[in-house]
Amino acid sequence: MTQQFDAIIVGLGSAGGIMAEQLTKAGLRVLGLEKGPEYTDDDFAVKQDELRYYQRGPSSRA
């Protein structure tokens, strides 16, 4: 069986995941390839918002 896609994204990290979401919202058929481990929906239920809680360098507060 051969499937056709409008876009193929290699790597579904922060940028690849966003691109896949936006392209599918636009109606394209997208194939995302990721070499990392397989995750279930439950794996993301309590995942921290990495951008919200990221802090660069030492805190300026004493």
PDB file of N, CA and C in Angstrom:
ATOM      1  N   MET A   1       0.838  -1.178   0.000  1.00  0.00           N
ATOM      2  CA  MET A   1       0.000   0.000   0.000  1.00  0.00           C
ATOM      3  C   MET A   1       0.886   1.244   0.000  1.00  0.00           C
ATOM      4  N   THR A   2       0.614   2.156  -0.890  1.00  0.00           N
ATOM      5  CA  THR A   2       1.387   3.384  -0.996  1.00  0.00           C
ATOM      6  C   THR A   2       0.506   4.561  -0.584  1.00  0.00           C
ATOM      7  N   GLN A   3       1.014   5.343   0.334  1.00  0.00           N
ATOM      8  CA  GLN A   3       0.292   6.545   0.758  1.00  0.00           C
ATOM      9  C   GLN A   3       1.036   7.769   0.254  1.00  0.00           C
ATOM     10  N   GLN A   4       0.301   8.812  -0.027  1.00  0.00           N
ATOM     11  CA  GLN A   4       0.915  10.057  -0.472  1.00  0.00           C
ATOM     12  C   GLN A   4       0.665  11.135   0.569  1.00  0.00           C
ATOM     13  N   PHE A   5       1.677  11.975   0.757  1.00  0.00           N
ATOM     14  CA  PHE A   5       1.605  13.070   1.712  1.00  0.00           C
ATOM     15  C   PHE A   5       1.978  14.364   1.006  1.00  0.00           C
ATOM     16  N   ASP A   6       1.463  15.455   1.529  1.00  0.00           N
ATOM     17  CA  ASP A   6       1.806  16.766   0.995  1.00  0.00           C
ATOM     18  C   ASP A   6       3.114  17.284   1.586  1.00  0.00           C
ATOM     19  N   ALA A   7       3.420  16.855   2.810  1.00  0.00           N
ATOM     20  CA  ALA A   7       4.639  17.308   3.484  1.00  0.00           C
ATOM     21  C   ALA A   7       5.167  16.184   4.359  1.00  0.00           C
ATOM     22  N   ILE A   8       6.491  16.109   4.466  1.00  0.00           N
ATOM     23  CA  ILE A   8       7.150  15.159   5.363  1.00  0.00           C
ATOM     24  C   ILE A   8       8.052  15.974   6.279  1.00  0.00           C
ATOM     25  N   ILE A   9       7.866  15.802   7.572  1.00  0.00           N
ATOM     26  CA  ILE A   9       8.672  16.520   8.554  1.00  0.00           C
ATOM     27  C   ILE A   9       9.538  15.503   9.275  1.00  0.00           C
ATOM     28  N   VAL A  10      10.844  15.728   9.229  1.00  0.00           N
ATOM     29  CA  VAL A  10      11.792  14.843   9.900  1.00  0.00           C
ATOM     30  C   VAL A  10      12.184  15.512  11.210  1.00  0.00           C
ATOM     31  N   GLY A  11      11.780  14.899  12.310  1.00  0.00           N
ATOM     32  CA  GLY A  11      12.054  15.453  13.637  1.00  0.00           C
ATOM     33  C   GLY A  11      10.851  16.235  14.131  1.00  0.00           C
ATOM     34  N   LEU A  12      10.208  15.733  15.178  1.00  0.00           N
ATOM     35  CA  LEU A  12       9.014  16.385  15.697  1.00  0.00           C
ATOM     36  C   LEU A  12       9.291  17.054  17.034  1.00  0.00           C
ATOM     37  N   GLY A  13      10.420  17.728  17.103  1.00  0.00           N
ATOM     38  CA  GLY A  13      10.736  18.515  18.297  1.00  0.00           C
ATOM     39  C   GLY A  13       9.865  19.754  18.338  1.00  0.00           C
ATOM     40  N   SER A  14      10.333  20.786  19.006  1.00  0.00           N
ATOM     41  CA  SER A  14       9.507  21.985  19.190  1.00  0.00           C
ATOM     42  C   SER A  14       9.083  22.609  17.860  1.00  0.00           C
ATOM     43  N   ALA A  15       9.982  22.753  16.931  1.00  0.00           N
ATOM     44  CA  ALA A  15       9.630  23.374  15.647  1.00  0.00           C
ATOM     45  C   ALA A  15       8.866  22.405  14.739  1.00  0.00           C
ATOM     46  N   GLY A  16       9.304  21.159  14.677  1.00  0.00           N
ATOM     47  CA  GLY A  16       8.659  20.188  13.807  1.00  0.00           C
ATOM     48  C   GLY A  16       7.225  19.901  14.213  1.00  0.00           C
ATOM     49  N   GLY A  17       6.973  19.830  15.499  1.00  0.00           N
ATOM     50  CA  GLY A  17       5.619  19.597  15.986  1.00  0.00           C
ATOM     51  C   GLY A  17       4.677  20.731  15.653  1.00  0.00           C
ATOM     52  N   ILE A  18       5.166  21.954  15.790  1.00  0.00           N
ATOM     53  CA  ILE A  18       4.357  23.133  15.459  1.00  0.00           C
ATOM     54  C   ILE A  18       4.079  23.178  13.966  1.00  0.00           C
ATOM     55  N   MET A  19       5.101  22.881  13.162  1.00  0.00           N
ATOM     56  CA  MET A  19       4.903  22.874  11.711  1.00  0.00           C
ATOM     57  C   MET A  19       3.874  21.818  11.305  1.00  0.00           C
ATOM     58  N   ALA A  20       3.962  20.635  11.900  1.00  0.00           N
ATOM     59  CA  ALA A  20       3.006  19.568  11.579  1.00  0.00           C
ATOM     60  C   ALA A  20       1.588  20.002  11.933  1.00  0.00           C
ATOM     61  N   GLU A  21       1.429  20.628  13.090  1.00  0.00           N
ATOM     62  CA  GLU A  21       0.103  21.093  13.504  1.00  0.00           C
ATOM     63  C   GLU A  21      -0.449  22.133  12.531  1.00  0.00           C
ATOM     64  N   GLN A  22       0.361  23.101  12.185  1.00  0.00           N
ATOM     65  CA  GLN A  22      -0.102  24.178  11.308  1.00  0.00           C
ATOM     66  C   GLN A  22      -0.419  23.668   9.902  1.00  0.00           C
ATOM     67  N   LEU A  23       0.388  22.772   9.389  1.00  0.00           N
ATOM     68  CA  LEU A  23       0.143  22.233   8.050  1.00  0.00           C
ATOM     69  C   LEU A  23      -1.125  21.387   8.017  1.00  0.00           C
ATOM     70  N   THR A  24      -1.358  20.588   9.074  1.00  0.00           N
ATOM     71  CA  THR A  24      -2.584  19.788   9.092  1.00  0.00           C
ATOM     72  C   THR A  24      -3.814  20.673   9.265  1.00  0.00           C
ATOM     73  N   LYS A  25      -3.691  21.749  10.041  1.00  0.00           N
ATOM     74  CA  LYS A  25      -4.803  22.698  10.172  1.00  0.00           C
ATOM     75  C   LYS A  25      -5.130  23.345   8.829  1.00  0.00           C
ATOM     76  N   ALA A  26      -4.107  23.493   7.984  1.00  0.00           N
ATOM     77  CA  ALA A  26      -4.299  24.080   6.656  1.00  0.00           C
ATOM     78  C   ALA A  26      -4.844  23.060   5.654  1.00  0.00           C
ATOM     79  N   GLY A  27      -5.025  21.813   6.105  1.00  0.00           N
ATOM     80  CA  GLY A  27      -5.618  20.803   5.235  1.00  0.00           C
ATOM     81  C   GLY A  27      -4.636  19.888   4.526  1.00  0.00           C
ATOM     82  N   LEU A  28      -3.349  19.998   4.817  1.00  0.00           N
ATOM     83  CA  LEU A  28      -2.363  19.138   4.167  1.00  0.00           C
ATOM     84  C   LEU A  28      -2.264  17.805   4.891  1.00  0.00           C
ATOM     85  N   ARG A  29      -1.884  16.792   4.137  1.00  0.00           N
ATOM     86  CA  ARG A  29      -1.593  15.479   4.723  1.00  0.00           C
ATOM     87  C   ARG A  29      -0.112  15.462   5.076  1.00  0.00           C
ATOM     88  N   VAL A  30       0.184  15.262   6.349  1.00  0.00           N
ATOM     89  CA  VAL A  30       1.553  15.393   6.847  1.00  0.00           C
ATOM     90  C   VAL A  30       2.023  14.071   7.442  1.00  0.00           C
ATOM     91  N   LEU A  31       3.242  13.697   7.107  1.00  0.00           N
ATOM     92  CA  LEU A  31       3.904  12.550   7.721  1.00  0.00           C
ATOM     93  C   LEU A  31       5.025  13.093   8.599  1.00  0.00           C
ATOM     94  N   GLY A  32       5.002  12.746   9.880  1.00  0.00           N
ATOM     95  CA  GLY A  32       6.058  13.160  10.801  1.00  0.00           C
ATOM     96  C   GLY A  32       6.911  11.963  11.178  1.00  0.00           C
ATOM     97  N   LEU A  33       8.211  12.093  11.024  1.00  0.00           N
ATOM     98  CA  LEU A  33       9.144  11.022  11.358  1.00  0.00           C
ATOM     99  C   LEU A  33       9.961  11.430  12.577  1.00  0.00           C
ATOM    100  N   GLU A  34      10.012  10.539  13.563  1.00  0.00           N
ATOM    101  CA  GLU A  34      10.741  10.821  14.802  1.00  0.00           C
ATOM    102  C   GLU A  34      11.448   9.548  15.239  1.00  0.00           C
ATOM    103  N   LYS A  35      12.718   9.648  15.580  1.00  0.00           N
ATOM    104  CA  LYS A  35      13.452   8.451  15.979  1.00  0.00           C
ATOM    105  C   LYS A  35      13.380   8.194  17.473  1.00  0.00           C
ATOM    106  N   GLY A  36      12.807   9.112  18.222  1.00  0.00           N
ATOM    107  CA  GLY A  36      12.722   8.960  19.668  1.00  0.00           C
ATOM    108  C   GLY A  36      11.751   7.866  20.079  1.00  0.00           C
ATOM    109  N   PRO A  37      11.579   7.682  21.405  1.00  0.00           N
ATOM    110  CA  PRO A  37      10.674   6.642  21.898  1.00  0.00           C
ATOM    111  C   PRO A  37       9.221   6.954  21.579  1.00  0.00           C
ATOM    112  N   GLU A  38       8.385   5.926  21.574  1.00  0.00           N
ATOM    113  CA  GLU A  38       6.960   6.127  21.341  1.00  0.00           C
ATOM    114  C   GLU A  38       6.309   6.605  22.635  1.00  0.00           C
ATOM    115  N   TYR A  39       5.479   7.635  22.546  1.00  0.00           N
ATOM    116  CA  TYR A  39       4.781   8.169  23.699  1.00  0.00           C
ATOM    117  C   TYR A  39       3.283   7.965  23.532  1.00  0.00           C
ATOM    118  N   THR A  40       2.585   7.877  24.642  1.00  0.00           N
ATOM    119  CA  THR A  40       1.132   7.823  24.621  1.00  0.00           C
ATOM    120  C   THR A  40       0.596   9.179  25.068  1.00  0.00           C
ATOM    121  N   ASP A  41      -0.698   9.399  24.933  1.00  0.00           N
ATOM    122  CA  ASP A  41      -1.296  10.653  25.393  1.00  0.00           C
ATOM    123  C   ASP A  41      -1.081  10.857  26.887  1.00  0.00           C
ATOM    124  N   ASP A  42      -1.061   9.776  27.653  1.00  0.00           N
ATOM    125  CA  ASP A  42      -0.858   9.869  29.100  1.00  0.00           C
ATOM    126  C   ASP A  42       0.515  10.431  29.459  1.00  0.00           C
ATOM    127  N   ASP A  43       1.504  10.227  28.600  1.00  0.00           N
ATOM    128  CA  ASP A  43       2.846  10.744  28.870  1.00  0.00           C
ATOM    129  C   ASP A  43       2.883  12.263  28.890  1.00  0.00           C
ATOM    130  N   PHE A  44       1.910  12.915  28.253  1.00  0.00           N
ATOM    131  CA  PHE A  44       1.912  14.365  28.158  1.00  0.00           C
ATOM    132  C   PHE A  44       0.914  15.021  29.115  1.00  0.00           C
ATOM    133  N   ALA A  45       0.198  14.232  29.889  1.00  0.00           N
ATOM    134  CA  ALA A  45      -0.842  14.766  30.770  1.00  0.00           C
ATOM    135  C   ALA A  45      -0.269  15.675  31.848  1.00  0.00           C
ATOM    136  N   VAL A  46       0.892  15.374  32.374  1.00  0.00           N
ATOM    137  CA  VAL A  46       1.482  16.182  33.446  1.00  0.00           C
ATOM    138  C   VAL A  46       2.819  16.789  33.041  1.00  0.00           C
ATOM    139  N   LYS A  47       3.067  16.886  31.764  1.00  0.00           N
ATOM    140  CA  LYS A  47       4.328  17.451  31.282  1.00  0.00           C
ATOM    141  C   LYS A  47       4.365  18.952  31.560  1.00  0.00           C
ATOM    142  N   GLN A  48       5.469  19.426  32.074  1.00  0.00           N
ATOM    143  CA  GLN A  48       5.643  20.842  32.366  1.00  0.00           C
ATOM    144  C   GLN A  48       5.719  21.655  31.076  1.00  0.00           C
ATOM    145  N   ASP A  49       5.273  22.875  31.134  1.00  0.00           N
ATOM    146  CA  ASP A  49       5.424  23.798  30.017  1.00  0.00           C
ATOM    147  C   ASP A  49       6.875  24.285  30.032  1.00  0.00           C
ATOM    148  N   GLU A  50       7.703  23.713  29.161  1.00  0.00           N
ATOM    149  CA  GLU A  50       9.136  23.988  29.197  1.00  0.00           C
ATOM    150  C   GLU A  50       9.458  25.445  28.920  1.00  0.00           C
ATOM    151  N   LEU A  51       8.704  26.090  28.044  1.00  0.00           N
ATOM    152  CA  LEU A  51       8.986  27.497  27.753  1.00  0.00           C
ATOM    153  C   LEU A  51       8.603  28.392  28.922  1.00  0.00           C
ATOM    154  N   ARG A  52       7.485  28.090  29.564  1.00  0.00           N
ATOM    155  CA  ARG A  52       7.025  28.919  30.677  1.00  0.00           C
ATOM    156  C   ARG A  52       7.984  28.849  31.857  1.00  0.00           C
ATOM    157  N   TYR A  53       8.545  27.670  32.133  1.00  0.00           N
ATOM    158  CA  TYR A  53       9.362  27.492  33.328  1.00  0.00           C
ATOM    159  C   TYR A  53      10.856  27.521  33.053  1.00  0.00           C
ATOM    160  N   TYR A  54      11.235  27.820  31.832  1.00  0.00           N
ATOM    161  CA  TYR A  54      12.657  27.896  31.484  1.00  0.00           C
ATOM    162  C   TYR A  54      13.243  29.190  32.022  1.00  0.00           C
ATOM    163  N   GLN A  55      14.428  29.099  32.566  1.00  0.00           N
ATOM    164  CA  GLN A  55      15.102  30.286  33.076  1.00  0.00           C
ATOM    165  C   GLN A  55      16.532  30.278  32.577  1.00  0.00           C
ATOM    166  N   ARG A  56      16.954  31.388  32.039  1.00  0.00           N
ATOM    167  CA  ARG A  56      18.283  31.474  31.463  1.00  0.00           C
ATOM    168  C   ARG A  56      19.268  32.021  32.496  1.00  0.00           C
ATOM    169  N   GLY A  57      20.314  31.272  32.763  1.00  0.00           N
ATOM    170  CA  GLY A  57      21.352  31.734  33.670  1.00  0.00           C
ATOM    171  C   GLY A  57      20.900  31.802  35.110  1.00  0.00           C
ATOM    172  N   PRO A  58      21.776  32.302  35.998  1.00  0.00           N
ATOM    173  CA  PRO A  58      21.445  32.399  37.423  1.00  0.00           C
ATOM    174  C   PRO A  58      20.372  33.472  37.661  1.00  0.00           C
ATOM    175  N   SER A  59      19.616  33.264  38.698  1.00  0.00           N
ATOM    176  CA  SER A  59      18.562  34.210  39.047  1.00  0.00           C
ATOM    177  C   SER A  59      19.182  35.524  39.529  1.00  0.00           C
ATOM    178  N   SER A  60      18.551  36.641  39.160  1.00  0.00           N
ATOM    179  CA  SER A  60      19.067  37.930  39.595  1.00  0.00           C
ATOM    180  C   SER A  60      18.565  38.279  40.990  1.00  0.00           C
ATOM    181  N   ARG A  61      17.621  37.484  41.501  1.00  0.00           N
ATOM    182  CA  ARG A  61      17.104  37.720  42.849  1.00  0.00           C
ATOM    183  C   ARG A  61      17.988  37.044  43.876  1.00  0.00           C
ATOM    184  N   ALA A  62      18.172  37.698  44.989  1.00  0.00           N
ATOM    185  CA  ALA A  62      19.025  37.141  46.042  1.00  0.00           C
ATOM    186  C   ALA A  62      18.228  36.338  47.025  1.00  0.00           C
TER     187      ALA A  62
END
